[in-house]
């Protein structure tokens, strides 16, 4: 890596899901990783941080992962009224 300041974004549809990943990095003396992920997939947050630590030794990284279900016709609507 030539610069510690950067921005990247990827949107990809796989199966019935849409994945949107955005990474922002800033120069910093230490490694600080801030992650934001859909609540349903929050157990993956630690795995993402450990993966990032393999490739970065310093800098401030903001990582956002948004996962959406594309096919909504199979979702059951409950009328509690």
PDB file of N, CA and C in Angstrom:
ATOM      1  N   UNK A   1       0.834  -1.167   0.000  1.00  0.00           N
ATOM      2  CA  UNK A   1       0.000   0.000   0.000  1.00  0.00           C
ATOM      3  C   UNK A   1       0.883   1.234   0.000  1.00  0.00           C
ATOM      4  N   UNK A   2       0.610   2.164  -0.868  1.00  0.00           N
ATOM      5  CA  UNK A   2       1.420   3.372  -0.985  1.00  0.00           C
ATOM      6  C   UNK A   2       0.897   4.522  -0.123  1.00  0.00           C
ATOM      7  N   UNK A   3      -0.395   4.522   0.156  1.00  0.00           N
ATOM      8  CA  UNK A   3      -0.996   5.590   0.952  1.00  0.00           C
ATOM      9  C   UNK A   3      -1.940   4.977   1.967  1.00  0.00           C
ATOM     10  N   UNK A   4      -2.002   5.579   3.141  1.00  0.00           N
ATOM     11  CA  UNK A   4      -2.914   5.062   4.157  1.00  0.00           C
ATOM     12  C   UNK A   4      -4.257   5.769   4.113  1.00  0.00           C
ATOM     13  N   UNK A   5      -4.430   6.704   3.211  1.00  0.00           N
ATOM     14  CA  UNK A   5      -5.704   7.400   3.067  1.00  0.00           C
ATOM     15  C   UNK A   5      -6.362   6.919   1.787  1.00  0.00           C
ATOM     16  N   UNK A   6      -7.601   6.423   1.910  1.00  0.00           N
ATOM     17  CA  UNK A   6      -8.265   5.911   0.722  1.00  0.00           C
ATOM     18  C   UNK A   6      -9.726   5.615   0.969  1.00  0.00           C
ATOM     19  N   UNK A   7     -10.406   5.252  -0.113  1.00  0.00           N
ATOM     20  CA  UNK A   7     -11.827   4.942  -0.060  1.00  0.00           C
ATOM     21  C   UNK A   7     -12.123   3.862  -1.093  1.00  0.00           C
ATOM     22  N   UNK A   8     -12.933   2.901  -0.714  1.00  0.00           N
ATOM     23  CA  UNK A   8     -13.343   1.869  -1.654  1.00  0.00           C
ATOM     24  C   UNK A   8     -14.756   1.419  -1.367  1.00  0.00           C
ATOM     25  N   UNK A   9     -15.470   1.061  -2.423  1.00  0.00           N
ATOM     26  CA  UNK A   9     -16.845   0.609  -2.273  1.00  0.00           C
ATOM     27  C   UNK A   9     -17.120  -0.504  -3.277  1.00  0.00           C
ATOM     28  N   UNK A  10     -17.833  -1.539  -2.822  1.00  0.00           N
ATOM     29  CA  UNK A  10     -18.197  -2.655  -3.684  1.00  0.00           C
ATOM     30  C   UNK A  10     -19.648  -3.026  -3.409  1.00  0.00           C
ATOM     31  N   UNK A  11     -20.426  -3.145  -4.455  1.00  0.00           N
ATOM     32  CA  UNK A  11     -21.802  -3.630  -4.361  1.00  0.00           C
ATOM     33  C   UNK A  11     -21.922  -4.846  -5.263  1.00  0.00           C
ATOM     34  N   UNK A  12     -22.448  -5.942  -4.687  1.00  0.00           N
ATOM     35  CA  UNK A  12     -22.543  -7.173  -5.465  1.00  0.00           C
ATOM     36  C   UNK A  12     -23.791  -7.939  -5.039  1.00  0.00           C
ATOM     37  N   UNK A  13     -24.493  -8.469  -6.033  1.00  0.00           N
ATOM     38  CA  UNK A  13     -25.654  -9.323  -5.774  1.00  0.00           C
ATOM     39  C   UNK A  13     -25.230 -10.766  -5.949  1.00  0.00           C
ATOM     40  N   UNK A  14     -25.484 -11.564  -4.909  1.00  0.00           N
ATOM     41  CA  UNK A  14     -25.194 -12.994  -4.954  1.00  0.00           C
ATOM     42  C   UNK A  14     -26.440 -13.711  -4.466  1.00  0.00           C
ATOM     43  N   UNK A  15     -27.019 -14.488  -5.332  1.00  0.00           N
ATOM     44  CA  UNK A  15     -28.252 -15.181  -4.970  1.00  0.00           C
ATOM     45  C   UNK A  15     -29.363 -14.189  -4.666  1.00  0.00           C
ATOM     46  N   UNK A  16     -29.991 -14.370  -3.515  1.00  0.00           N
ATOM     47  CA  UNK A  16     -31.105 -13.509  -3.116  1.00  0.00           C
ATOM     48  C   UNK A  16     -30.655 -12.331  -2.260  1.00  0.00           C
ATOM     49  N   UNK A  17     -29.349 -12.087  -2.175  1.00  0.00           N
ATOM     50  CA  UNK A  17     -28.833 -11.034  -1.298  1.00  0.00           C
ATOM     51  C   UNK A  17     -28.028  -9.986  -2.073  1.00  0.00           C
ATOM     52  N   UNK A  18     -28.072  -8.766  -1.573  1.00  0.00           N
ATOM     53  CA  UNK A  18     -27.266  -7.672  -2.095  1.00  0.00           C
ATOM     54  C   UNK A  18     -26.263  -7.282  -1.014  1.00  0.00           C
ATOM     55  N   UNK A  19     -24.992  -7.272  -1.375  1.00  0.00           N
ATOM     56  CA  UNK A  19     -23.920  -6.935  -0.435  1.00  0.00           C
ATOM     57  C   UNK A  19     -23.314  -5.593  -0.824  1.00  0.00           C
ATOM     58  N   UNK A  20     -23.186  -4.711   0.148  1.00  0.00           N
ATOM     59  CA  UNK A  20     -22.580  -3.411  -0.074  1.00  0.00           C
ATOM     60  C   UNK A  20     -21.491  -3.226   0.988  1.00  0.00           C
ATOM     61  N   UNK A  21     -20.241  -3.150   0.550  1.00  0.00           N
ATOM     62  CA  UNK A  21     -19.108  -2.993   1.464  1.00  0.00           C
ATOM     63  C   UNK A  21     -18.415  -1.684   1.139  1.00  0.00           C
ATOM     64  N   UNK A  22     -18.171  -0.889   2.175  1.00  0.00           N
ATOM     65  CA  UNK A  22     -17.520   0.405   2.006  1.00  0.00           C
ATOM     66  C   UNK A  22     -16.392   0.505   3.029  1.00  0.00           C
ATOM     67  N   UNK A  23     -15.202   0.900   2.568  1.00  0.00           N
ATOM     68  CA  UNK A  23     -14.045   1.036   3.454  1.00  0.00           C
ATOM     69  C   UNK A  23     -13.440   2.417   3.266  1.00  0.00           C
ATOM     70  N   UNK A  24     -13.232   3.102   4.386  1.00  0.00           N
ATOM     71  CA  UNK A  24     -12.563   4.401   4.386  1.00  0.00           C
ATOM     72  C   UNK A  24     -11.352   4.275   5.290  1.00  0.00           C
ATOM     73  N   UNK A  25     -10.212   4.786   4.838  1.00  0.00           N
ATOM     74  CA  UNK A  25      -9.008   4.719   5.664  1.00  0.00           C
ATOM     75  C   UNK A  25      -8.358   6.092   5.759  1.00  0.00           C
ATOM     76  N   UNK A  26      -7.809   6.359   6.938  1.00  0.00           N
ATOM     77  CA  UNK A  26      -7.096   7.604   7.204  1.00  0.00           C
ATOM     78  C   UNK A  26      -5.766   7.281   7.851  1.00  0.00           C
ATOM     79  N   UNK A  27      -4.799   8.152   7.655  1.00  0.00           N
ATOM     80  CA  UNK A  27      -3.485   7.990   8.248  1.00  0.00           C
ATOM     81  C   UNK A  27      -3.597   8.087   9.768  1.00  0.00           C
ATOM     82  N   UNK A  28      -2.973   7.180  10.469  1.00  0.00           N
ATOM     83  CA  UNK A  28      -2.965   7.183  11.929  1.00  0.00           C
ATOM     84  C   UNK A  28      -1.776   6.377  12.415  1.00  0.00           C
ATOM     85  N   UNK A  29      -1.261   6.731  13.575  1.00  0.00           N
ATOM     86  CA  UNK A  29      -0.086   6.059  14.123  1.00  0.00           C
ATOM     87  C   UNK A  29      -0.402   4.623  14.551  1.00  0.00           C
ATOM     88  N   UNK A  30      -1.589   4.407  15.086  1.00  0.00           N
ATOM     89  CA  UNK A  30      -2.004   3.081  15.551  1.00  0.00           C
ATOM     90  C   UNK A  30      -3.086   2.526  14.628  1.00  0.00           C
ATOM     91  N   UNK A  31      -3.433   1.268  14.863  1.00  0.00           N
ATOM     92  CA  UNK A  31      -4.505   0.650  14.085  1.00  0.00           C
ATOM     93  C   UNK A  31      -5.818   0.762  14.851  1.00  0.00           C
ATOM     94  N   UNK A  32      -6.777   1.448  14.268  1.00  0.00           N
ATOM     95  CA  UNK A  32      -8.123   1.586  14.828  1.00  0.00           C
ATOM     96  C   UNK A  32      -9.115   1.118  13.776  1.00  0.00           C
ATOM     97  N   UNK A  33      -9.921   0.125  14.139  1.00  0.00           N
ATOM     98  CA  UNK A  33     -10.891  -0.434  13.196  1.00  0.00           C
ATOM     99  C   UNK A  33     -12.292  -0.225  13.751  1.00  0.00           C
ATOM    100  N   UNK A  34     -13.117   0.482  12.997  1.00  0.00           N
ATOM    101  CA  UNK A  34     -14.522   0.684  13.351  1.00  0.00           C
ATOM    102  C   UNK A  34     -15.363  -0.037  12.309  1.00  0.00           C
ATOM    103  N   UNK A  35     -16.213  -0.955  12.771  1.00  0.00           N
ATOM    104  CA  UNK A  35     -17.041  -1.706  11.833  1.00  0.00           C
ATOM    105  C   UNK A  35     -18.518  -1.425  12.088  1.00  0.00           C
ATOM    106  N   UNK A  36     -19.262  -1.428  11.008  1.00  0.00           N
ATOM    107  CA  UNK A  36     -20.710  -1.286  11.060  1.00  0.00           C
ATOM    108  C   UNK A  36     -21.282  -2.366  10.164  1.00  0.00           C
ATOM    109  N   UNK A  37     -22.114  -3.228  10.740  1.00  0.00           N
ATOM    110  CA  UNK A  37     -22.652  -4.354   9.994  1.00  0.00           C
ATOM    111  C   UNK A  37     -24.127  -4.528  10.358  1.00  0.00           C
ATOM    112  N   UNK A  38     -24.906  -5.091   9.452  1.00  0.00           N
ATOM    113  CA  UNK A  38     -26.318  -5.346   9.706  1.00  0.00           C
ATOM    114  C   UNK A  38     -26.464  -6.139  11.003  1.00  0.00           C
ATOM    115  N   UNK A  39     -27.428  -5.788  11.861  1.00  0.00           N
ATOM    116  CA  UNK A  39     -27.572  -6.454  13.165  1.00  0.00           C
ATOM    117  C   UNK A  39     -27.685  -7.978  13.078  1.00  0.00           C
ATOM    118  N   UNK A  40     -28.318  -8.480  12.053  1.00  0.00           N
ATOM    119  CA  UNK A  40     -28.474  -9.926  11.897  1.00  0.00           C
ATOM    120  C   UNK A  40     -27.120 -10.630  11.765  1.00  0.00           C
ATOM    121  N   UNK A  41     -26.134  -9.922  11.191  1.00  0.00           N
ATOM    122  CA  UNK A  41     -24.818 -10.515  10.953  1.00  0.00           C
ATOM    123  C   UNK A  41     -23.756  -9.997  11.909  1.00  0.00           C
ATOM    124  N   UNK A  42     -24.157  -9.374  13.012  1.00  0.00           N
ATOM    125  CA  UNK A  42     -23.186  -8.807  13.955  1.00  0.00           C
ATOM    126  C   UNK A  42     -22.204  -9.831  14.537  1.00  0.00           C
ATOM    127  N   UNK A  43     -22.554 -11.125  14.623  1.00  0.00           N
ATOM    128  CA  UNK A  43     -21.548 -12.092  15.094  1.00  0.00           C
ATOM    129  C   UNK A  43     -20.305 -12.164  14.188  1.00  0.00           C
ATOM    130  N   UNK A  44     -20.410 -11.683  12.945  1.00  0.00           N
ATOM    131  CA  UNK A  44     -19.268 -11.705  12.024  1.00  0.00           C
ATOM    132  C   UNK A  44     -18.323 -10.522  12.231  1.00  0.00           C
ATOM    133  N   UNK A  45     -18.704  -9.569  13.068  1.00  0.00           N
ATOM    134  CA  UNK A  45     -17.925  -8.342  13.245  1.00  0.00           C
ATOM    135  C   UNK A  45     -16.497  -8.634  13.711  1.00  0.00           C
ATOM    136  N   UNK A  46     -16.330  -9.495  14.682  1.00  0.00           N
ATOM    137  CA  UNK A  46     -14.988  -9.831  15.178  1.00  0.00           C
ATOM    138  C   UNK A  46     -14.167 -10.530  14.102  1.00  0.00           C
ATOM    139  N   UNK A  47     -14.803 -11.393  13.333  1.00  0.00           N
ATOM    140  CA  UNK A  47     -14.115 -12.091  12.233  1.00  0.00           C
ATOM    141  C   UNK A  47     -13.607 -11.081  11.196  1.00  0.00           C
ATOM    142  N   UNK A  48     -14.425 -10.085  10.865  1.00  0.00           N
ATOM    143  CA  UNK A  48     -14.027  -9.049   9.910  1.00  0.00           C
ATOM    144  C   UNK A  48     -12.839  -8.266  10.435  1.00  0.00           C
ATOM    145  N   UNK A  49     -12.878  -7.887  11.714  1.00  0.00           N
ATOM    146  CA  UNK A  49     -11.777  -7.122  12.305  1.00  0.00           C
ATOM    147  C   UNK A  49     -10.479  -7.927  12.306  1.00  0.00           C
ATOM    148  N   UNK A  50     -10.556  -9.213  12.625  1.00  0.00           N
ATOM    149  CA  UNK A  50      -9.354 -10.053  12.622  1.00  0.00           C
ATOM    150  C   UNK A  50      -8.791 -10.226  11.214  1.00  0.00           C
ATOM    151  N   UNK A  51      -9.655 -10.320  10.224  1.00  0.00           N
ATOM    152  CA  UNK A  51      -9.221 -10.427   8.838  1.00  0.00           C
ATOM    153  C   UNK A  51      -8.493  -9.158   8.402  1.00  0.00           C
ATOM    154  N   UNK A  52      -9.037  -8.003   8.763  1.00  0.00           N
ATOM    155  CA  UNK A  52      -8.421  -6.718   8.405  1.00  0.00           C
ATOM    156  C   UNK A  52      -7.050  -6.570   9.063  1.00  0.00           C
ATOM    157  N   UNK A  53      -6.895  -7.056  10.289  1.00  0.00           N
ATOM    158  CA  UNK A  53      -5.624  -6.950  11.017  1.00  0.00           C
ATOM    159  C   UNK A  53      -4.485  -7.694  10.318  1.00  0.00           C
ATOM    160  N   UNK A  54      -4.817  -8.674   9.492  1.00  0.00           N
ATOM    161  CA  UNK A  54      -3.795  -9.407   8.744  1.00  0.00           C
ATOM    162  C   UNK A  54      -3.151  -8.540   7.664  1.00  0.00           C
ATOM    163  N   UNK A  55      -3.876  -7.538   7.169  1.00  0.00           N
ATOM    164  CA  UNK A  55      -3.408  -6.744   6.038  1.00  0.00           C
ATOM    165  C   UNK A  55      -3.015  -5.318   6.395  1.00  0.00           C
ATOM    166  N   UNK A  56      -3.425  -4.837   7.568  1.00  0.00           N
ATOM    167  CA  UNK A  56      -3.121  -3.465   7.962  1.00  0.00           C
ATOM    168  C   UNK A  56      -2.443  -3.452   9.321  1.00  0.00           C
ATOM    169  N   UNK A  57      -1.408  -2.640   9.450  1.00  0.00           N
ATOM    170  CA  UNK A  57      -0.681  -2.522  10.712  1.00  0.00           C
ATOM    171  C   UNK A  57      -0.965  -1.199  11.406  1.00  0.00           C
ATOM    172  N   UNK A  58      -1.418  -0.192  10.664  1.00  0.00           N
ATOM    173  CA  UNK A  58      -1.717   1.110  11.252  1.00  0.00           C
ATOM    174  C   UNK A  58      -2.743   1.833  10.387  1.00  0.00           C
ATOM    175  N   UNK A  59      -3.320   2.870  10.964  1.00  0.00           N
ATOM    176  CA  UNK A  59      -4.328   3.652  10.258  1.00  0.00           C
ATOM    177  C   UNK A  59      -5.680   3.533  10.945  1.00  0.00           C
ATOM    178  N   UNK A  60      -6.585   4.429  10.596  1.00  0.00           N
ATOM    179  CA  UNK A  60      -7.955   4.382  11.086  1.00  0.00           C
ATOM    180  C   UNK A  60      -8.836   3.898   9.939  1.00  0.00           C
ATOM    181  N   UNK A  61      -9.509   2.794  10.164  1.00  0.00           N
ATOM    182  CA  UNK A  61     -10.343   2.178   9.128  1.00  0.00           C
ATOM    183  C   UNK A  61     -11.798   2.164   9.572  1.00  0.00           C
ATOM    184  N   UNK A  62     -12.670   2.625   8.692  1.00  0.00           N
ATOM    185  CA  UNK A  62     -14.117   2.543   8.915  1.00  0.00           C
ATOM    186  C   UNK A  62     -14.676   1.589   7.868  1.00  0.00           C
ATOM    187  N   UNK A  63     -15.232   0.486   8.344  1.00  0.00           N
ATOM    188  CA  UNK A  63     -15.734  -0.550   7.448  1.00  0.00           C
ATOM    189  C   UNK A  63     -17.232  -0.703   7.667  1.00  0.00           C
ATOM    190  N   UNK A  64     -17.991  -0.577   6.589  1.00  0.00           N
ATOM    191  CA  UNK A  64     -19.441  -0.703   6.651  1.00  0.00           C
ATOM    192  C   UNK A  64     -19.865  -1.852   5.739  1.00  0.00           C
ATOM    193  N   UNK A  65     -20.618  -2.793   6.288  1.00  0.00           N
ATOM    194  CA  UNK A  65     -21.122  -3.926   5.513  1.00  0.00           C
ATOM    195  C   UNK A  65     -22.642  -3.936   5.640  1.00  0.00           C
ATOM    196  N   UNK A  66     -23.318  -3.833   4.514  1.00  0.00           N
ATOM    197  CA  UNK A  66     -24.775  -3.827   4.492  1.00  0.00           C
ATOM    198  C   UNK A  66     -25.242  -5.005   3.638  1.00  0.00           C
ATOM    199  N   UNK A  67     -26.068  -5.861   4.219  1.00  0.00           N
ATOM    200  CA  UNK A  67     -26.569  -7.045   3.523  1.00  0.00           C
ATOM    201  C   UNK A  67     -28.088  -6.952   3.502  1.00  0.00           C
ATOM    202  N   UNK A  68     -28.661  -7.022   2.290  1.00  0.00           N
ATOM    203  CA  UNK A  68     -30.110  -6.912   2.141  1.00  0.00           C
ATOM    204  C   UNK A  68     -30.656  -8.101   1.369  1.00  0.00           C
ATOM    205  N   UNK A  69     -31.842  -8.532   1.770  1.00  0.00           N
ATOM    206  CA  UNK A  69     -32.550  -9.586   1.067  1.00  0.00           C
ATOM    207  C   UNK A  69     -33.267  -8.963  -0.126  1.00  0.00           C
ATOM    208  N   UNK A  70     -32.989  -9.470  -1.316  1.00  0.00           N
ATOM    209  CA  UNK A  70     -33.600  -8.922  -2.531  1.00  0.00           C
ATOM    210  C   UNK A  70     -34.994  -9.476  -2.774  1.00  0.00           C
ATOM    211  N   UNK A  71     -35.187 -10.741  -2.501  1.00  0.00           N
ATOM    212  CA  UNK A  71     -36.440 -11.426  -2.805  1.00  0.00           C
ATOM    213  C   UNK A  71     -37.329 -11.375  -1.557  1.00  0.00           C
ATOM    214  N   UNK A  72     -38.363 -10.544  -1.593  1.00  0.00           N
ATOM    215  CA  UNK A  72     -39.196 -10.364  -0.404  1.00  0.00           C
ATOM    216  C   UNK A  72     -40.542 -11.072  -0.487  1.00  0.00           C
ATOM    217  N   UNK A  73     -40.850 -11.782  -1.570  1.00  0.00           N
ATOM    218  CA  UNK A  73     -42.158 -12.430  -1.684  1.00  0.00           C
ATOM    219  C   UNK A  73     -42.301 -13.622  -0.738  1.00  0.00           C
ATOM    220  N   UNK A  74     -41.200 -14.159  -0.217  1.00  0.00           N
ATOM    221  CA  UNK A  74     -41.275 -15.298   0.695  1.00  0.00           C
ATOM    222  C   UNK A  74     -41.417 -14.872   2.152  1.00  0.00           C
ATOM    223  N   UNK A  75     -41.394 -13.558   2.419  1.00  0.00           N
ATOM    224  CA  UNK A  75     -41.487 -13.074   3.788  1.00  0.00           C
ATOM    225  C   UNK A  75     -42.950 -13.092   4.215  1.00  0.00           C
ATOM    226  N   UNK A  76     -43.198 -13.602   5.402  1.00  0.00           N
ATOM    227  CA  UNK A  76     -44.555 -13.713   5.934  1.00  0.00           C
ATOM    228  C   UNK A  76     -44.894 -12.403   6.646  1.00  0.00           C
ATOM    229  N   UNK A  77     -46.061 -11.851   6.326  1.00  0.00           N
ATOM    230  CA  UNK A  77     -46.563 -10.635   6.958  1.00  0.00           C
ATOM    231  C   UNK A  77     -47.597 -11.049   8.002  1.00  0.00           C
ATOM    232  N   UNK A  78     -47.387 -10.686   9.262  1.00  0.00           N
ATOM    233  CA  UNK A  78     -48.313 -11.053  10.322  1.00  0.00           C
ATOM    234  C   UNK A  78     -49.150  -9.838  10.677  1.00  0.00           C
ATOM    235  N   UNK A  79     -50.478  -9.991  10.633  1.00  0.00           N
ATOM    236  CA  UNK A  79     -51.397  -8.919  10.988  1.00  0.00           C
ATOM    237  C   UNK A  79     -51.851  -9.160  12.428  1.00  0.00           C
ATOM    238  N   UNK A  80     -51.328  -8.354  13.342  1.00  0.00           N
ATOM    239  CA  UNK A  80     -51.660  -8.524  14.755  1.00  0.00           C
ATOM    240  C   UNK A  80     -52.923  -7.767  15.161  1.00  0.00           C
ATOM    241  N   UNK A  81     -53.566  -7.071  14.203  1.00  0.00           N
ATOM    242  CA  UNK A  81     -54.767  -6.256  14.488  1.00  0.00           C
ATOM    243  C   UNK A  81     -55.990  -7.010  14.488  1.00  0.00           C
TER     244      UNK A  81
END
